[in-house]
């Protein structure tokens, strides 16, 4: 005879609540791979179970060895948006560095940490646990001022399970982000590829139509690049392409976007830039490439020149692909005549600097 769960029975009500929480977590993990959405769902379930006065989830920024706040309740978003916690500092930093949990029922009785206060909020107790995957810390969960009666051996075990769910969510979301990034990124140069270019062009055309501000494209092709592959091999050629891609990052114009269009062809998209400004930027990039000595390895140094074409929306077309074709045509005017110069659409004589 099957025994049904009676949710009116106090002895069984806790089990029922736990099952509901697990069910909601499972739904969150399978219904969305957007990190922020999944983490908020997990933390909401955690809040129901432990009823803390405030809580937060921090993610580890590995290159900087710092934690940043991904989700927080009970604190102003503006207060924590730019707040970073170095590894080893405070409870969260200590937990992230050591990969161990901290459960402090009474902050005043624990000599390891000074009494904490955030604004008018006084922290009396704390639970701080790492989010671990393969012994590697991904982040930290903090719960402040939970009900003391909820901090039992059973509930702490339950919290460990919730932390495992959060770690899985982070890993899954990062895997999806990596796949998405690979589909729009050129693996040789690290620049965006043609697929991403189509997307950005559509967005930029819409923005320009709404704002009335132009945008421009610089299309350039390396001169005599085939000889680099023929003489030095394709690995050296790929290394040179990567160095050229690095040159496209202009520190004075952080909003510009670089693309590898294909082979040894590159595009630089310049938002809110008219043709006169774009021509000046193209001339500067042209000079930069001419003067750069690319250190490929300990023994090999290479120089390279390129042919440039410039086009602007809406002067040279009504659609994104019109601007690409116009810039490409201007570039080929240089390529078929002098090489190593800049031309602007509509076809003007290339500006050559010897």
Protein backbone atom coordinates (compact mmCIF):
# COMPACT_ATOMS: atom_id res chain seq x y z
CA UNK A 1 0.00 0.00 0.00
CA UNK A 2 1.44 3.35 -1.08
CA UNK A 3 1.93 5.86 1.69
CA UNK A 4 1.09 9.42 0.66
CA UNK A 5 2.89 12.46 2.00
CA UNK A 6 0.60 14.38 4.34
CA UNK A 7 1.72 18.02 4.18
CA UNK A 8 -0.51 18.84 7.17
CA UNK A 9 1.63 16.57 9.35
CA UNK A 10 4.23 18.83 11.07
CA UNK A 11 6.77 16.00 11.01
CA UNK A 12 6.46 15.77 7.25
CA UNK A 13 5.97 19.43 6.37
CA UNK A 14 9.72 20.13 6.47
CA UNK A 15 10.37 17.30 4.02
CA UNK A 16 7.68 18.65 1.73
CA UNK A 17 9.24 22.13 1.83
CA UNK A 18 12.64 20.66 0.98
CA UNK A 19 11.19 18.79 -2.01
CA UNK A 20 9.59 21.97 -3.29
CA UNK A 21 12.90 23.79 -3.03
CA UNK A 22 14.75 21.03 -4.88
CA UNK A 23 12.05 20.99 -7.54
CA UNK A 24 12.38 24.75 -8.06
CA UNK A 25 16.16 24.50 -8.25
CA UNK A 26 15.96 21.72 -10.83
CA UNK A 27 13.57 23.81 -12.92
CA UNK A 28 15.90 26.79 -12.70
CA UNK A 29 18.90 24.78 -13.84
CA UNK A 30 17.09 23.24 -16.81
CA UNK A 31 14.95 26.17 -17.94
CA UNK A 32 17.65 28.81 -18.33
CA UNK A 33 21.37 29.02 -18.94
CA UNK A 34 21.53 32.73 -18.21
CA UNK A 35 23.77 32.98 -15.17
CA UNK A 36 22.09 35.90 -13.43
CA UNK A 37 18.61 34.34 -13.72
CA UNK A 38 19.70 30.95 -12.40
CA UNK A 39 21.70 32.37 -9.50
CA UNK A 40 18.85 34.58 -8.39
CA UNK A 41 16.49 31.59 -8.37
CA UNK A 42 18.93 29.55 -6.29
CA UNK A 43 19.42 32.38 -3.83
CA UNK A 44 15.68 32.98 -3.54
CA UNK A 45 15.21 29.33 -2.53
CA UNK A 46 18.06 29.67 -0.07
CA UNK A 47 16.40 32.73 1.39
CA UNK A 48 13.16 30.79 1.95
CA UNK A 49 15.01 28.02 3.73
CA UNK A 50 17.32 30.05 5.98
CA UNK A 51 15.47 33.38 6.18
CA UNK A 52 18.60 35.56 6.47
CA UNK A 53 18.21 39.29 6.90
CA UNK A 54 20.56 39.84 3.98
CA UNK A 55 22.57 37.64 1.65
CA UNK A 56 24.88 37.86 -1.34
CA UNK A 57 26.63 35.73 -3.92
CA UNK A 58 30.09 36.70 -5.09
CA UNK A 59 31.90 35.38 -8.18
CA UNK A 60 35.67 34.97 -8.42
CA UNK A 61 37.44 37.08 -11.04
CA UNK A 62 40.47 34.82 -11.49
CA UNK A 63 42.76 37.16 -13.49
CA UNK A 64 42.45 39.83 -10.78
CA UNK A 65 42.23 37.47 -7.77
CA UNK A 66 39.15 39.33 -6.57
CA UNK A 67 35.52 38.62 -5.81
CA UNK A 68 32.71 40.75 -7.22
CA UNK A 69 29.03 40.80 -6.26
CA UNK A 70 26.84 38.92 -8.76
CA UNK A 71 23.65 38.90 -6.66
CA UNK A 72 22.84 40.72 -3.42
CA UNK A 73 19.72 41.32 -1.37
CA UNK A 74 19.51 43.80 1.47
CA UNK A 75 22.11 46.16 0.04
CA UNK A 76 21.81 48.93 -2.51
CA UNK A 77 22.94 47.87 -6.00
CA UNK A 78 24.88 51.13 -6.31
CA UNK A 79 26.78 50.40 -3.08
CA UNK A 80 28.19 47.09 -4.30
CA UNK A 81 28.33 47.50 -8.09
CA UNK A 82 32.03 48.39 -8.16
CA UNK A 83 32.95 46.77 -4.84
CA UNK A 84 35.72 44.17 -5.05
CA UNK A 85 36.92 41.80 -2.33
CA UNK A 86 40.58 40.68 -2.65
CA UNK A 87 41.34 37.03 -1.94
CA UNK A 88 42.19 36.51 1.71
CA UNK A 89 40.44 39.65 2.97
CA UNK A 90 37.35 39.48 5.16
CA UNK A 91 35.15 36.42 5.46
CA UNK A 92 34.36 36.10 1.76
CA UNK A 93 38.00 36.55 0.75
CA UNK A 94 39.15 34.01 3.36
CA UNK A 95 36.58 31.41 2.25
CA UNK A 96 37.45 31.92 -1.44
CA UNK A 97 41.17 31.56 -0.75
CA UNK A 98 40.92 28.46 1.46
CA UNK A 99 37.90 26.77 -0.11
CA UNK A 100 36.45 26.16 3.35
CA UNK A 101 33.14 27.14 4.94
CA UNK A 102 32.78 29.61 7.80
CA UNK A 103 29.82 29.40 10.19
CA UNK A 104 29.86 32.11 12.84
CA UNK A 105 26.79 32.03 15.12
CA UNK A 106 27.96 35.13 17.00
CA UNK A 107 30.42 37.53 15.40
CA UNK A 108 31.16 39.11 18.79
CA UNK A 109 32.42 35.81 20.16
CA UNK A 110 34.73 35.06 17.20
CA UNK A 111 38.11 36.73 17.48
CA UNK A 112 38.98 36.15 13.82
CA UNK A 113 36.69 38.90 12.57
CA UNK A 114 35.84 42.35 13.78
CA UNK A 115 32.13 43.12 14.27
CA UNK A 116 30.78 44.02 10.85
CA UNK A 117 28.37 46.76 9.99
CA UNK A 118 27.00 47.92 6.65
CA UNK A 119 25.29 51.27 7.00
CA UNK A 120 22.65 50.83 9.69
CA UNK A 121 22.72 47.06 9.30
CA UNK A 122 24.53 45.28 12.14
CA UNK A 123 25.86 41.81 11.30
CA UNK A 124 25.44 39.43 14.24
CA UNK A 125 25.89 36.00 12.64
CA UNK A 126 27.23 34.76 9.34
CA UNK A 127 27.34 31.70 7.12
CA UNK A 128 29.90 31.92 4.34
CA UNK A 129 30.44 28.98 1.98
CA UNK A 130 32.55 28.44 -1.15
CA UNK A 131 31.11 27.37 -4.49
CA UNK A 132 33.45 24.59 -5.54
CA UNK A 133 33.94 22.65 -8.74
CA UNK A 134 36.73 20.06 -8.97
CA UNK A 135 38.35 21.58 -5.87
CA UNK A 136 38.38 24.97 -7.57
CA UNK A 137 36.60 27.96 -6.04
CA UNK A 138 34.16 29.67 -8.38
CA UNK A 139 32.56 32.01 -5.87
CA UNK A 140 31.18 32.48 -2.37
CA UNK A 141 27.71 32.61 -0.80
CA UNK A 142 27.15 34.78 2.28
CA UNK A 143 24.11 34.66 4.58
CA UNK A 144 23.88 37.17 7.43
CA UNK A 145 21.71 37.01 10.55
CA UNK A 146 19.93 33.74 9.86
CA UNK A 147 17.53 32.34 12.44
CA UNK A 148 19.78 30.54 14.91
CA UNK A 149 17.33 27.63 15.19
CA UNK A 150 17.74 27.05 11.45
CA UNK A 151 21.50 26.50 11.75
CA UNK A 152 21.35 22.76 12.43
CA UNK A 153 23.51 19.99 11.05
CA UNK A 154 20.73 19.09 8.63
CA UNK A 155 20.25 22.62 7.32
CA UNK A 156 23.97 23.18 6.90
CA UNK A 157 24.16 19.96 4.85
CA UNK A 158 21.26 21.28 2.81
CA UNK A 159 23.16 24.52 2.26
CA UNK A 160 26.14 22.57 0.92
CA UNK A 161 23.81 20.98 -1.63
CA UNK A 162 22.50 24.40 -2.66
CA UNK A 163 26.09 25.57 -3.10
CA UNK A 164 26.72 22.59 -5.38
CA UNK A 165 23.71 23.63 -7.45
CA UNK A 166 25.04 27.17 -7.70
CA UNK A 167 28.48 25.88 -8.82
CA UNK A 168 26.80 23.76 -11.51
CA UNK A 169 24.83 26.80 -12.69
CA UNK A 170 28.00 28.89 -12.95
CA UNK A 171 29.85 26.20 -14.89
CA UNK A 172 26.95 25.61 -17.28
CA UNK A 173 26.47 29.31 -17.95
CA UNK A 174 30.19 29.80 -18.55
CA UNK A 175 30.27 26.85 -20.96
CA UNK A 176 27.40 28.34 -22.96
CA UNK A 177 29.06 31.77 -22.95
CA UNK A 178 32.28 30.20 -24.24
CA UNK A 179 30.46 28.39 -27.05
CA UNK A 180 28.64 31.58 -28.02
CA UNK A 181 31.90 33.50 -27.91
CA UNK A 182 33.62 30.94 -30.16
CA UNK A 183 30.86 31.20 -32.77
CA UNK A 184 31.46 34.95 -33.19
CA UNK A 185 35.21 35.17 -32.56
CA UNK A 186 38.12 34.50 -34.88
CA UNK A 187 40.43 32.08 -33.08
CA UNK A 188 43.58 33.38 -34.78
CA UNK A 189 43.32 37.08 -33.94
CA UNK A 190 40.74 37.15 -31.14
CA UNK A 191 38.76 39.70 -33.15
CA UNK A 192 35.10 39.25 -34.05
CA UNK A 193 34.32 37.32 -37.24
CA UNK A 194 31.94 37.86 -40.18
CA UNK A 195 29.01 36.34 -38.29
CA UNK A 196 29.33 38.96 -35.56
CA UNK A 197 29.88 41.69 -38.16
CA UNK A 198 26.44 41.04 -39.68
CA UNK A 199 24.82 41.35 -36.26
CA UNK A 200 26.68 44.51 -35.30
CA UNK A 201 25.99 46.15 -38.67
CA UNK A 202 22.25 45.62 -38.30
CA UNK A 203 22.34 47.11 -34.81
CA UNK A 204 24.52 50.03 -35.92
CA UNK A 205 22.30 50.91 -38.88
CA UNK A 206 19.28 51.02 -36.57
CA UNK A 207 21.13 53.16 -34.04
CA UNK A 208 22.31 55.57 -36.73
CA UNK A 209 18.85 55.92 -38.22
CA UNK A 210 17.37 56.68 -34.83
CA UNK A 211 20.09 59.11 -33.74
CA UNK A 212 20.83 60.71 -37.09
CA UNK A 213 24.56 60.15 -36.49
CA UNK A 214 26.75 58.42 -39.11
CA UNK A 215 29.07 55.49 -38.67
CA UNK A 216 32.03 54.48 -40.81
CA UNK A 217 33.95 51.37 -41.81
CA UNK A 218 37.65 50.99 -42.51
CA UNK A 219 38.34 47.96 -44.71
CA UNK A 220 41.99 46.99 -45.17
CA UNK A 221 43.90 44.15 -46.79
CA UNK A 222 47.55 43.30 -46.13
CA UNK A 223 49.88 43.81 -49.08
CA UNK A 224 51.79 40.79 -50.38
CA UNK A 225 50.72 38.64 -47.44
CA UNK A 226 50.92 35.48 -49.57
CA UNK A 227 54.69 35.89 -49.72
CA UNK A 228 54.86 35.68 -45.91
CA UNK A 229 53.16 32.27 -45.98
CA UNK A 230 55.28 31.13 -48.94
CA UNK A 231 58.59 32.12 -47.34
CA UNK A 232 57.97 31.53 -43.63
CA UNK A 233 55.03 29.11 -43.48
CA UNK A 234 51.42 29.39 -42.38
CA UNK A 235 52.19 29.36 -38.65
CA UNK A 236 54.28 32.51 -39.02
CA UNK A 237 51.57 33.97 -41.22
CA UNK A 238 48.95 33.31 -38.54
CA UNK A 239 51.21 34.86 -35.89
CA UNK A 240 51.56 37.98 -38.04
CA UNK A 241 47.77 38.21 -38.49
CA UNK A 242 47.36 38.06 -34.71
CA UNK A 243 49.85 40.94 -34.26
CA UNK A 244 48.04 43.01 -36.87
CA UNK A 245 44.80 42.37 -34.98
CA UNK A 246 46.44 43.76 -31.85
CA UNK A 247 47.22 47.00 -33.72
CA UNK A 248 43.51 47.59 -34.29
CA UNK A 249 42.89 48.37 -30.61
CA UNK A 250 43.04 52.16 -30.52
CA UNK A 251 43.27 53.35 -26.87
CA UNK A 252 41.79 56.75 -27.72
CA UNK A 253 38.65 55.16 -29.24
CA UNK A 254 37.46 52.31 -26.99
CA UNK A 255 34.05 52.12 -28.72
CA UNK A 256 35.46 51.00 -32.09
CA UNK A 257 35.06 47.32 -32.99
CA UNK A 258 37.56 45.22 -34.94
CA UNK A 259 36.75 42.25 -37.17
CA UNK A 260 38.73 39.76 -39.19
CA UNK A 261 36.73 39.65 -42.40
CA UNK A 262 38.60 36.71 -43.90
CA UNK A 263 42.13 35.73 -44.91
CA UNK A 264 44.24 38.84 -44.49
CA UNK A 265 41.28 41.24 -44.65
CA UNK A 266 40.17 43.30 -41.65
CA UNK A 267 37.36 45.74 -40.85
CA UNK A 268 37.25 48.44 -38.20
CA UNK A 269 33.76 49.76 -37.37
CA UNK A 270 33.67 53.34 -36.10
CA UNK A 271 30.40 54.34 -34.38
CA UNK A 272 29.30 57.99 -34.57
CA UNK A 273 32.13 58.80 -36.97
CA UNK A 274 31.81 60.78 -40.20
CA UNK A 275 33.86 60.26 -43.33
CA UNK A 276 36.39 63.00 -42.55
CA UNK A 277 37.10 61.55 -39.10
CA UNK A 278 37.23 58.00 -40.48
CA UNK A 279 39.77 58.98 -43.15
CA UNK A 280 42.00 60.50 -40.48
CA UNK A 281 41.76 57.33 -38.36
CA UNK A 282 42.53 55.18 -41.41
CA UNK A 283 45.61 57.29 -42.19
CA UNK A 284 46.82 56.91 -38.61
CA UNK A 285 46.31 53.14 -38.69
CA UNK A 286 48.05 53.00 -42.07
CA UNK A 287 51.07 54.80 -40.66
CA UNK A 288 51.07 52.65 -37.55
CA UNK A 289 51.24 49.46 -39.61
CA UNK A 290 53.99 50.86 -41.84
CA UNK A 291 56.14 51.81 -38.87
CA UNK A 292 55.51 48.72 -36.74
CA UNK A 293 58.16 46.00 -36.57
CA UNK A 294 56.38 42.78 -35.64
CA UNK A 295 58.47 40.55 -33.37
CA UNK A 296 57.27 37.06 -34.32
CA UNK A 297 59.88 35.11 -32.36
CA UNK A 298 63.40 35.60 -31.00
CA UNK A 299 64.92 35.73 -34.48
CA UNK A 300 62.19 36.83 -36.87
CA UNK A 301 60.98 40.39 -37.32
CA UNK A 302 58.54 41.35 -40.05
CA UNK A 303 57.15 44.55 -41.49
CA UNK A 304 53.87 44.84 -43.36
CA UNK A 305 51.87 47.40 -45.30
CA UNK A 306 48.18 47.44 -46.18
CA UNK A 307 45.65 48.94 -48.60
CA UNK A 308 42.77 50.81 -46.94
CA UNK A 309 39.25 51.76 -47.97
CA UNK A 310 36.81 53.98 -46.06
CA UNK A 311 33.01 54.23 -46.37
CA UNK A 312 30.30 55.88 -44.29
CA UNK A 313 26.62 55.31 -43.52
CA UNK A 314 24.36 56.75 -44.87
CA UNK A 315 26.56 58.55 -47.45
CA UNK A 316 27.57 55.34 -49.23
CA UNK A 317 24.48 53.15 -48.84
CA UNK A 318 21.25 52.48 -46.98
CA UNK A 319 22.24 49.11 -45.51
CA UNK A 320 25.20 47.67 -43.65
CA UNK A 321 26.32 45.48 -46.54
CA UNK A 322 26.27 48.53 -48.84
CA UNK A 323 28.86 50.16 -46.59
CA UNK A 324 31.01 47.01 -46.56
CA UNK A 325 30.93 46.85 -50.38
CA UNK A 326 31.74 50.56 -50.69
CA UNK A 327 34.71 50.29 -48.31
CA UNK A 328 35.87 47.11 -50.08
CA UNK A 329 35.67 48.86 -53.47
CA UNK A 330 37.71 51.79 -52.17
CA UNK A 331 40.30 49.39 -50.78
CA UNK A 332 40.59 47.57 -54.13
CA UNK A 333 41.21 50.88 -55.88
CA UNK A 334 44.37 51.16 -53.79
CA UNK A 335 45.19 47.47 -54.18
CA UNK A 336 44.98 47.60 -58.00
CA UNK A 337 47.07 50.75 -58.34
CA UNK A 338 49.71 51.71 -55.79
CA UNK A 339 48.99 49.54 -52.72
CA UNK A 340 50.07 50.84 -49.30
CA UNK A 341 47.58 53.72 -49.12
CA UNK A 342 44.10 54.95 -48.21
CA UNK A 343 41.10 55.61 -50.47
CA UNK A 344 37.71 56.99 -49.50
CA UNK A 345 34.35 56.15 -51.09
CA UNK A 346 33.07 57.55 -53.41
CA UNK A 347 36.17 56.71 -55.35
CA UNK A 348 38.73 59.37 -54.83
CA UNK A 349 42.38 59.08 -55.69
CA UNK A 350 44.18 57.07 -53.00
CA UNK A 351 46.22 59.09 -50.56
CA UNK A 352 49.68 57.54 -50.69
CA UNK A 353 52.48 58.28 -48.30
CA UNK A 354 55.94 57.16 -49.33
